[in-house]
Amino acid sequence: MWLTKLKIAIIEKNTESLDKLLDVIPQLTEKADMEEAIYLLEEASRVFGGLKDEVLKSMNQIQKNLQFLRSTDIPTSRNLDMMS
């Protein structure tokens, strides 16, 4: 059951489910289950790494966009002095 949930979480790239599943790794007794778990855990690691890279790229793009918007900002007077 745990292996099936792990597969689904990996396919869906559901980091919340993956995190919960990794907190409660069961004791596996069958060799085939152990090998499958190792493969799935490696895949989960790749998913986390890929998502981390995507977030980093998005953050860099947001920073570039902010820099661009700030560079095109027209300076305005913030004071309401009508006499000057």
PDB file of N, CA and C in Angstrom:
ATOM      1  N   MET A   1       0.823  -1.190   0.000  1.00  0.00           N
ATOM      2  CA  MET A   1       0.000   0.000   0.000  1.00  0.00           C
ATOM      3  C   MET A   1       0.874   1.264   0.000  1.00  0.00           C
ATOM      4  N   TRP A   2       1.931   1.263   0.824  1.00  0.00           N
ATOM      5  CA  TRP A   2       2.825   2.403   0.901  1.00  0.00           C
ATOM      6  C   TRP A   2       3.504   2.636  -0.446  1.00  0.00           C
ATOM      7  N   LEU A   3       3.939   1.558  -1.098  1.00  0.00           N
ATOM      8  CA  LEU A   3       4.607   1.686  -2.392  1.00  0.00           C
ATOM      9  C   LEU A   3       3.666   2.286  -3.433  1.00  0.00           C
ATOM     10  N   THR A   4       2.412   1.880  -3.405  1.00  0.00           N
ATOM     11  CA  THR A   4       1.427   2.409  -4.346  1.00  0.00           C
ATOM     12  C   THR A   4       1.209   3.900  -4.113  1.00  0.00           C
ATOM     13  N   LYS A   5       1.085   4.293  -2.852  1.00  0.00           N
ATOM     14  CA  LYS A   5       0.918   5.708  -2.530  1.00  0.00           C
ATOM     15  C   LYS A   5       2.148   6.506  -2.970  1.00  0.00           C
ATOM     16  N   LEU A   6       3.329   5.916  -2.797  1.00  0.00           N
ATOM     17  CA  LEU A   6       4.563   6.578  -3.207  1.00  0.00           C
ATOM     18  C   LEU A   6       4.599   6.769  -4.723  1.00  0.00           C
ATOM     19  N   LYS A   7       4.192   5.752  -5.453  1.00  0.00           N
ATOM     20  CA  LYS A   7       4.148   5.857  -6.917  1.00  0.00           C
ATOM     21  C   LYS A   7       3.218   6.987  -7.350  1.00  0.00           C
ATOM     22  N   ILE A   8       2.046   7.049  -6.736  1.00  0.00           N
ATOM     23  CA  ILE A   8       1.065   8.070  -7.095  1.00  0.00           C
ATOM     24  C   ILE A   8       1.617   9.464  -6.787  1.00  0.00           C
ATOM     25  N   ALA A   9       2.224   9.613  -5.631  1.00  0.00           N
ATOM     26  CA  ALA A   9       2.776  10.917  -5.242  1.00  0.00           C
ATOM     27  C   ALA A   9       3.877  11.350  -6.208  1.00  0.00           C
ATOM     28  N   ILE A  10       4.685  10.411  -6.662  1.00  0.00           N
ATOM     29  CA  ILE A  10       5.760  10.731  -7.605  1.00  0.00           C
ATOM     30  C   ILE A  10       5.177  11.142  -8.953  1.00  0.00           C
ATOM     31  N   ILE A  11       4.193  10.389  -9.426  1.00  0.00           N
ATOM     32  CA  ILE A  11       3.580  10.696 -10.722  1.00  0.00           C
ATOM     33  C   ILE A  11       2.913  12.065 -10.688  1.00  0.00           C
ATOM     34  N   GLU A  12       2.227  12.361  -9.583  1.00  0.00           N
ATOM     35  CA  GLU A  12       1.533  13.636  -9.447  1.00  0.00           C
ATOM     36  C   GLU A  12       2.476  14.779  -9.058  1.00  0.00           C
ATOM     37  N   LYS A  13       3.712  14.449  -8.732  1.00  0.00           N
ATOM     38  CA  LYS A  13       4.693  15.419  -8.224  1.00  0.00           C
ATOM     39  C   LYS A  13       4.114  16.174  -7.031  1.00  0.00           C
ATOM     40  N   ASN A  14       3.484  15.410  -6.155  1.00  0.00           N
ATOM     41  CA  ASN A  14       2.828  15.963  -4.976  1.00  0.00           C
ATOM     42  C   ASN A  14       3.828  15.957  -3.822  1.00  0.00           C
ATOM     43  N   THR A  15       4.466  17.086  -3.610  1.00  0.00           N
ATOM     44  CA  THR A  15       5.525  17.163  -2.603  1.00  0.00           C
ATOM     45  C   THR A  15       4.999  16.975  -1.189  1.00  0.00           C
ATOM     46  N   GLU A  16       3.770  17.403  -0.964  1.00  0.00           N
ATOM     47  CA  GLU A  16       3.189  17.246   0.377  1.00  0.00           C
ATOM     48  C   GLU A  16       3.006  15.764   0.715  1.00  0.00           C
ATOM     49  N   SER A  17       2.463  15.000  -0.232  1.00  0.00           N
ATOM     50  CA  SER A  17       2.284  13.565  -0.010  1.00  0.00           C
ATOM     51  C   SER A  17       3.626  12.854   0.104  1.00  0.00           C
ATOM     52  N   LEU A  18       4.574  13.245  -0.749  1.00  0.00           N
ATOM     53  CA  LEU A  18       5.902  12.637  -0.692  1.00  0.00           C
ATOM     54  C   LEU A  18       6.540  12.870   0.674  1.00  0.00           C
ATOM     55  N   ASP A  19       6.408  14.073   1.175  1.00  0.00           N
ATOM     56  CA  ASP A  19       6.981  14.403   2.471  1.00  0.00           C
ATOM     57  C   ASP A  19       6.370  13.536   3.575  1.00  0.00           C
ATOM     58  N   LYS A  20       5.057  13.392   3.551  1.00  0.00           N
ATOM     59  CA  LYS A  20       4.374  12.567   4.558  1.00  0.00           C
ATOM     60  C   LYS A  20       4.789  11.102   4.442  1.00  0.00           C
ATOM     61  N   LEU A  21       4.882  10.610   3.220  1.00  0.00           N
ATOM     62  CA  LEU A  21       5.261   9.201   3.016  1.00  0.00           C
ATOM     63  C   LEU A  21       6.703   8.939   3.453  1.00  0.00           C
ATOM     64  N   LEU A  22       7.575   9.902   3.233  1.00  0.00           N
ATOM     65  CA  LEU A  22       8.975   9.724   3.619  1.00  0.00           C
ATOM     66  C   LEU A  22       9.163   9.781   5.127  1.00  0.00           C
ATOM     67  N   ASP A  23       8.205  10.379   5.822  1.00  0.00           N
ATOM     68  CA  ASP A  23       8.264  10.413   7.286  1.00  0.00           C
ATOM     69  C   ASP A  23       7.925   9.061   7.918  1.00  0.00           C
ATOM     70  N   VAL A  24       7.197   8.224   7.185  1.00  0.00           N
ATOM     71  CA  VAL A  24       6.743   6.934   7.746  1.00  0.00           C
ATOM     72  C   VAL A  24       7.089   5.766   6.823  1.00  0.00           C
ATOM     73  N   ILE A  25       8.357   5.596   6.548  1.00  0.00           N
ATOM     74  CA  ILE A  25       8.784   4.496   5.677  1.00  0.00           C
ATOM     75  C   ILE A  25       8.610   3.182   6.439  1.00  0.00           C
ATOM     76  N   PRO A  26       7.830   2.258   5.867  1.00  0.00           N
ATOM     77  CA  PRO A  26       7.583   0.995   6.573  1.00  0.00           C
ATOM     78  C   PRO A  26       8.770   0.029   6.465  1.00  0.00           C
ATOM     79  N   GLN A  27       8.753  -0.970   7.316  1.00  0.00           N
ATOM     80  CA  GLN A  27       9.757  -2.037   7.252  1.00  0.00           C
ATOM     81  C   GLN A  27       9.327  -3.008   6.157  1.00  0.00           C
ATOM     82  N   LEU A  28      10.106  -3.076   5.100  1.00  0.00           N
ATOM     83  CA  LEU A  28       9.776  -3.962   3.979  1.00  0.00           C
ATOM     84  C   LEU A  28      10.504  -5.290   4.163  1.00  0.00           C
ATOM     85  N   THR A  29       9.791  -6.391   3.889  1.00  0.00           N
ATOM     86  CA  THR A  29      10.374  -7.715   4.113  1.00  0.00           C
ATOM     87  C   THR A  29      10.735  -8.431   2.816  1.00  0.00           C
ATOM     88  N   GLU A  30       9.995  -8.149   1.760  1.00  0.00           N
ATOM     89  CA  GLU A  30      10.247  -8.806   0.477  1.00  0.00           C
ATOM     90  C   GLU A  30      11.351  -8.084  -0.287  1.00  0.00           C
ATOM     91  N   LYS A  31      12.233  -8.874  -0.890  1.00  0.00           N
ATOM     92  CA  LYS A  31      13.346  -8.292  -1.636  1.00  0.00           C
ATOM     93  C   LYS A  31      12.849  -7.433  -2.788  1.00  0.00           C
ATOM     94  N   ALA A  32      11.832  -7.895  -3.487  1.00  0.00           N
ATOM     95  CA  ALA A  32      11.287  -7.140  -4.624  1.00  0.00           C
ATOM     96  C   ALA A  32      10.727  -5.795  -4.160  1.00  0.00           C
ATOM     97  N   ASP A  33      10.063  -5.787  -3.014  1.00  0.00           N
ATOM     98  CA  ASP A  33       9.523  -4.535  -2.472  1.00  0.00           C
ATOM     99  C   ASP A  33      10.645  -3.577  -2.098  1.00  0.00           C
ATOM    100  N   MET A  34      11.725  -4.135  -1.543  1.00  0.00           N
ATOM    101  CA  MET A  34      12.865  -3.305  -1.164  1.00  0.00           C
ATOM    102  C   MET A  34      13.507  -2.665  -2.392  1.00  0.00           C
ATOM    103  N   GLU A  35      13.677  -3.450  -3.449  1.00  0.00           N
ATOM    104  CA  GLU A  35      14.282  -2.928  -4.670  1.00  0.00           C
ATOM    105  C   GLU A  35      13.393  -1.864  -5.301  1.00  0.00           C
ATOM    106  N   GLU A  36      12.081  -2.126  -5.293  1.00  0.00           N
ATOM    107  CA  GLU A  36      11.147  -1.154  -5.847  1.00  0.00           C
ATOM    108  C   GLU A  36      11.165   0.136  -5.023  1.00  0.00           C
ATOM    109  N   ALA A  37      11.237   0.008  -3.711  1.00  0.00           N
ATOM    110  CA  ALA A  37      11.280   1.178  -2.834  1.00  0.00           C
ATOM    111  C   ALA A  37      12.535   2.003  -3.103  1.00  0.00           C
ATOM    112  N   ILE A  38      13.658   1.347  -3.293  1.00  0.00           N
ATOM    113  CA  ILE A  38      14.913   2.054  -3.588  1.00  0.00           C
ATOM    114  C   ILE A  38      14.778   2.835  -4.880  1.00  0.00           C
ATOM    115  N   TYR A  39      14.241   2.180  -5.909  1.00  0.00           N
ATOM    116  CA  TYR A  39      14.055   2.850  -7.193  1.00  0.00           C
ATOM    117  C   TYR A  39      13.119   4.055  -7.038  1.00  0.00           C
ATOM    118  N   LEU A  40      12.011   3.862  -6.335  1.00  0.00           N
ATOM    119  CA  LEU A  40      11.037   4.937  -6.163  1.00  0.00           C
ATOM    120  C   LEU A  40      11.599   6.091  -5.341  1.00  0.00           C
ATOM    121  N   LEU A  41      12.391   5.779  -4.326  1.00  0.00           N
ATOM    122  CA  LEU A  41      12.999   6.836  -3.523  1.00  0.00           C
ATOM    123  C   LEU A  41      14.009   7.638  -4.341  1.00  0.00           C
ATOM    124  N   GLU A  42      14.738   6.968  -5.216  1.00  0.00           N
ATOM    125  CA  GLU A  42      15.646   7.685  -6.112  1.00  0.00           C
ATOM    126  C   GLU A  42      14.864   8.600  -7.045  1.00  0.00           C
ATOM    127  N   GLU A  43      13.738   8.099  -7.534  1.00  0.00           N
ATOM    128  CA  GLU A  43      12.888   8.909  -8.413  1.00  0.00           C
ATOM    129  C   GLU A  43      12.293  10.098  -7.656  1.00  0.00           C
ATOM    130  N   ALA A  44      11.895   9.879  -6.414  1.00  0.00           N
ATOM    131  CA  ALA A  44      11.372  10.971  -5.582  1.00  0.00           C
ATOM    132  C   ALA A  44      12.443  12.047  -5.399  1.00  0.00           C
ATOM    133  N   SER A  45      13.675  11.621  -5.220  1.00  0.00           N
ATOM    134  CA  SER A  45      14.783  12.566  -5.075  1.00  0.00           C
ATOM    135  C   SER A  45      14.942  13.389  -6.346  1.00  0.00           C
ATOM    136  N   ARG A  46      14.814  12.752  -7.503  1.00  0.00           N
ATOM    137  CA  ARG A  46      14.905  13.475  -8.774  1.00  0.00           C
ATOM    138  C   ARG A  46      13.743  14.466  -8.920  1.00  0.00           C
ATOM    139  N   VAL A  47      12.552  14.063  -8.476  1.00  0.00           N
ATOM    140  CA  VAL A  47      11.392  14.957  -8.549  1.00  0.00           C
ATOM    141  C   VAL A  47      11.643  16.199  -7.707  1.00  0.00           C
ATOM    142  N   PHE A  48      12.112  15.995  -6.464  1.00  0.00           N
ATOM    143  CA  PHE A  48      12.402  17.140  -5.596  1.00  0.00           C
ATOM    144  C   PHE A  48      13.471  18.031  -6.218  1.00  0.00           C
ATOM    145  N   GLY A  49      14.502  17.422  -6.791  1.00  0.00           N
ATOM    146  CA  GLY A  49      15.567  18.199  -7.428  1.00  0.00           C
ATOM    147  C   GLY A  49      15.048  19.002  -8.611  1.00  0.00           C
ATOM    148  N   GLY A  50      14.195  18.374  -9.418  1.00  0.00           N
ATOM    149  CA  GLY A  50      13.624  19.064 -10.568  1.00  0.00           C
ATOM    150  C   GLY A  50      12.725  20.212 -10.153  1.00  0.00           C
ATOM    151  N   LEU A  51      11.922  19.990  -9.139  1.00  0.00           N
ATOM    152  CA  LEU A  51      11.045  21.060  -8.656  1.00  0.00           C
ATOM    153  C   LEU A  51      11.865  22.206  -8.059  1.00  0.00           C
ATOM    154  N   LYS A  52      12.954  21.852  -7.384  1.00  0.00           N
ATOM    155  CA  LYS A  52      13.828  22.876  -6.809  1.00  0.00           C
ATOM    156  C   LYS A  52      14.415  23.738  -7.923  1.00  0.00           C
ATOM    157  N   ASP A  53      14.843  23.103  -9.018  1.00  0.00           N
ATOM    158  CA  ASP A  53      15.398  23.845 -10.151  1.00  0.00           C
ATOM    159  C   ASP A  53      14.351  24.765 -10.779  1.00  0.00           C
ATOM    160  N   GLU A  54      13.112  24.267 -10.904  1.00  0.00           N
ATOM    161  CA  GLU A  54      12.039  25.072 -11.475  1.00  0.00           C
ATOM    162  C   GLU A  54      11.762  26.303 -10.608  1.00  0.00           C
ATOM    163  N   VAL A  55      11.733  26.102  -9.306  1.00  0.00           N
ATOM    164  CA  VAL A  55      11.484  27.218  -8.390  1.00  0.00           C
ATOM    165  C   VAL A  55      12.615  28.240  -8.492  1.00  0.00           C
ATOM    166  N   LEU A  56      13.843  27.770  -8.565  1.00  0.00           N
ATOM    167  CA  LEU A  56      14.990  28.675  -8.686  1.00  0.00           C
ATOM    168  C   LEU A  56      14.905  29.505  -9.966  1.00  0.00           C
ATOM    169  N   LYS A  57      14.550  28.862 -11.080  1.00  0.00           N
ATOM    170  CA  LYS A  57      14.409  29.585 -12.353  1.00  0.00           C
ATOM    171  C   LYS A  57      13.294  30.623 -12.255  1.00  0.00           C
ATOM    172  N   SER A  58      12.187  30.244 -11.638  1.00  0.00           N
ATOM    173  CA  SER A  58      11.068  31.177 -11.489  1.00  0.00           C
ATOM    174  C   SER A  58      11.464  32.368 -10.627  1.00  0.00           C
ATOM    175  N   MET A  59      12.168  32.108  -9.542  1.00  0.00           N
ATOM    176  CA  MET A  59      12.602  33.192  -8.664  1.00  0.00           C
ATOM    177  C   MET A  59      13.547  34.144  -9.390  1.00  0.00           C
ATOM    178  N   ASN A  60      14.471  33.593 -10.170  1.00  0.00           N
ATOM    179  CA  ASN A  60      15.400  34.432 -10.937  1.00  0.00           C
ATOM    180  C   ASN A  60      14.649  35.287 -11.951  1.00  0.00           C
ATOM    181  N   GLN A  61      13.645  34.696 -12.614  1.00  0.00           N
ATOM    182  CA  GLN A  61      12.866  35.442 -13.591  1.00  0.00           C
ATOM    183  C   GLN A  61      12.071  36.557 -12.916  1.00  0.00           C
ATOM    184  N   ILE A  62      11.514  36.281 -11.755  1.00  0.00           N
ATOM    185  CA  ILE A  62      10.767  37.302 -11.004  1.00  0.00           C
ATOM    186  C   ILE A  62      11.699  38.453 -10.624  1.00  0.00           C
ATOM    187  N   GLN A  63      12.906  38.128 -10.162  1.00  0.00           N
ATOM    188  CA  GLN A  63      13.862  39.182  -9.808  1.00  0.00           C
ATOM    189  C   GLN A  63      14.226  40.033 -11.021  1.00  0.00           C
ATOM    190  N   LYS A  64      14.419  39.410 -12.180  1.00  0.00           N
ATOM    191  CA  LYS A  64      14.728  40.160 -13.402  1.00  0.00           C
ATOM    192  C   LYS A  64      13.555  41.068 -13.772  1.00  0.00           C
ATOM    193  N   ASN A  65      12.335  40.541 -13.643  1.00  0.00           N
ATOM    194  CA  ASN A  65      11.155  41.341 -13.958  1.00  0.00           C
ATOM    195  C   ASN A  65      11.041  42.546 -13.019  1.00  0.00           C
ATOM    196  N   LEU A  66      11.306  42.312 -11.735  1.00  0.00           N
ATOM    197  CA  LEU A  66      11.254  43.414 -10.768  1.00  0.00           C
ATOM    198  C   LEU A  66      12.308  44.475 -11.075  1.00  0.00           C
ATOM    199  N   GLN A  67      13.513  44.020 -11.410  1.00  0.00           N
ATOM    200  CA  GLN A  67      14.570  44.973 -11.759  1.00  0.00           C
ATOM    201  C   GLN A  67      14.169  45.798 -12.976  1.00  0.00           C
ATOM    202  N   PHE A  68      13.584  45.146 -13.965  1.00  0.00           N
ATOM    203  CA  PHE A  68      13.144  45.856 -15.165  1.00  0.00           C
ATOM    204  C   PHE A  68      12.064  46.876 -14.813  1.00  0.00           C
ATOM    205  N   LEU A  69      11.077  46.453 -14.041  1.00  0.00           N
ATOM    206  CA  LEU A  69       9.997  47.368 -13.674  1.00  0.00           C
ATOM    207  C   LEU A  69      10.512  48.549 -12.867  1.00  0.00           C
ATOM    208  N   ARG A  70      11.459  48.297 -11.980  1.00  0.00           N
ATOM    209  CA  ARG A  70      12.030  49.396 -11.194  1.00  0.00           C
ATOM    210  C   ARG A  70      12.846  50.345 -12.065  1.00  0.00           C
ATOM    211  N   SER A  71      13.506  49.809 -13.079  1.00  0.00           N
ATOM    212  CA  SER A  71      14.320  50.661 -13.945  1.00  0.00           C
ATOM    213  C   SER A  71      13.455  51.526 -14.852  1.00  0.00           C
ATOM    214  N   THR A  72      12.238  51.126 -15.121  1.00  0.00           N
ATOM    215  CA  THR A  72      11.352  51.906 -15.985  1.00  0.00           C
ATOM    216  C   THR A  72      10.397  52.785 -15.187  1.00  0.00           C
ATOM    217  N   ASP A  73      10.519  52.739 -13.870  1.00  0.00           N
ATOM    218  CA  ASP A  73       9.645  53.535 -13.002  1.00  0.00           C
ATOM    219  C   ASP A  73       9.952  55.016 -13.184  1.00  0.00           C
ATOM    220  N   ILE A  74       8.916  55.795 -13.391  1.00  0.00           N
ATOM    221  CA  ILE A  74       9.073  57.243 -13.555  1.00  0.00           C
ATOM    222  C   ILE A  74       9.083  57.875 -12.168  1.00  0.00           C
ATOM    223  N   PRO A  75      10.166  58.574 -11.829  1.00  0.00           N
ATOM    224  CA  PRO A  75      10.220  59.196 -10.508  1.00  0.00           C
ATOM    225  C   PRO A  75       9.141  60.269 -10.385  1.00  0.00           C
ATOM    226  N   THR A  76       8.412  60.210  -9.319  1.00  0.00           N
ATOM    227  CA  THR A  76       7.366  61.201  -9.080  1.00  0.00           C
ATOM    228  C   THR A  76       7.613  61.842  -7.727  1.00  0.00           C
ATOM    229  N   SER A  77       7.135  63.033  -7.610  1.00  0.00           N
ATOM    230  CA  SER A  77       7.260  63.727  -6.340  1.00  0.00           C
ATOM    231  C   SER A  77       6.219  63.185  -5.389  1.00  0.00           C
ATOM    232  N   ARG A  78       6.638  62.861  -4.220  1.00  0.00           N
ATOM    233  CA  ARG A  78       5.730  62.290  -3.246  1.00  0.00           C
ATOM    234  C   ARG A  78       5.210  63.376  -2.293  1.00  0.00           C
ATOM    235  N   ASN A  79       5.503  64.628  -2.607  1.00  0.00           N
ATOM    236  CA  ASN A  79       5.076  65.659  -1.692  1.00  0.00           C
ATOM    237  C   ASN A  79       3.943  66.448  -2.331  1.00  0.00           C
ATOM    238  N   LEU A  80       3.062  66.932  -1.539  1.00  0.00           N
ATOM    239  CA  LEU A  80       1.874  67.619  -2.023  1.00  0.00           C
ATOM    240  C   LEU A  80       2.016  69.138  -1.991  1.00  0.00           C
ATOM    241  N   ASP A  81       3.226  69.611  -2.000  1.00  0.00           N
ATOM    242  CA  ASP A  81       3.468  71.048  -1.959  1.00  0.00           C
ATOM    243  C   ASP A  81       3.061  71.657  -3.303  1.00  0.00           C
ATOM    244  N   MET A  82       1.997  72.420  -3.296  1.00  0.00           N
ATOM    245  CA  MET A  82       1.468  73.005  -4.523  1.00  0.00           C
ATOM    246  C   MET A  82       2.170  74.322  -4.889  1.00  0.00           C
ATOM    247  N   MET A  83       2.917  74.852  -3.964  1.00  0.00           N
ATOM    248  CA  MET A  83       3.548  76.157  -4.197  1.00  0.00           C
ATOM    249  C   MET A  83       4.853  76.067  -4.980  1.00  0.00           C
ATOM    250  N   SER A  84       5.483  74.921  -5.076  1.00  0.00           N
ATOM    251  CA  SER A  84       6.753  74.861  -5.759  1.00  0.00           C
ATOM    252  C   SER A  84       6.624  74.514  -7.208  1.00  0.00           C
TER     253      SER A  84
END
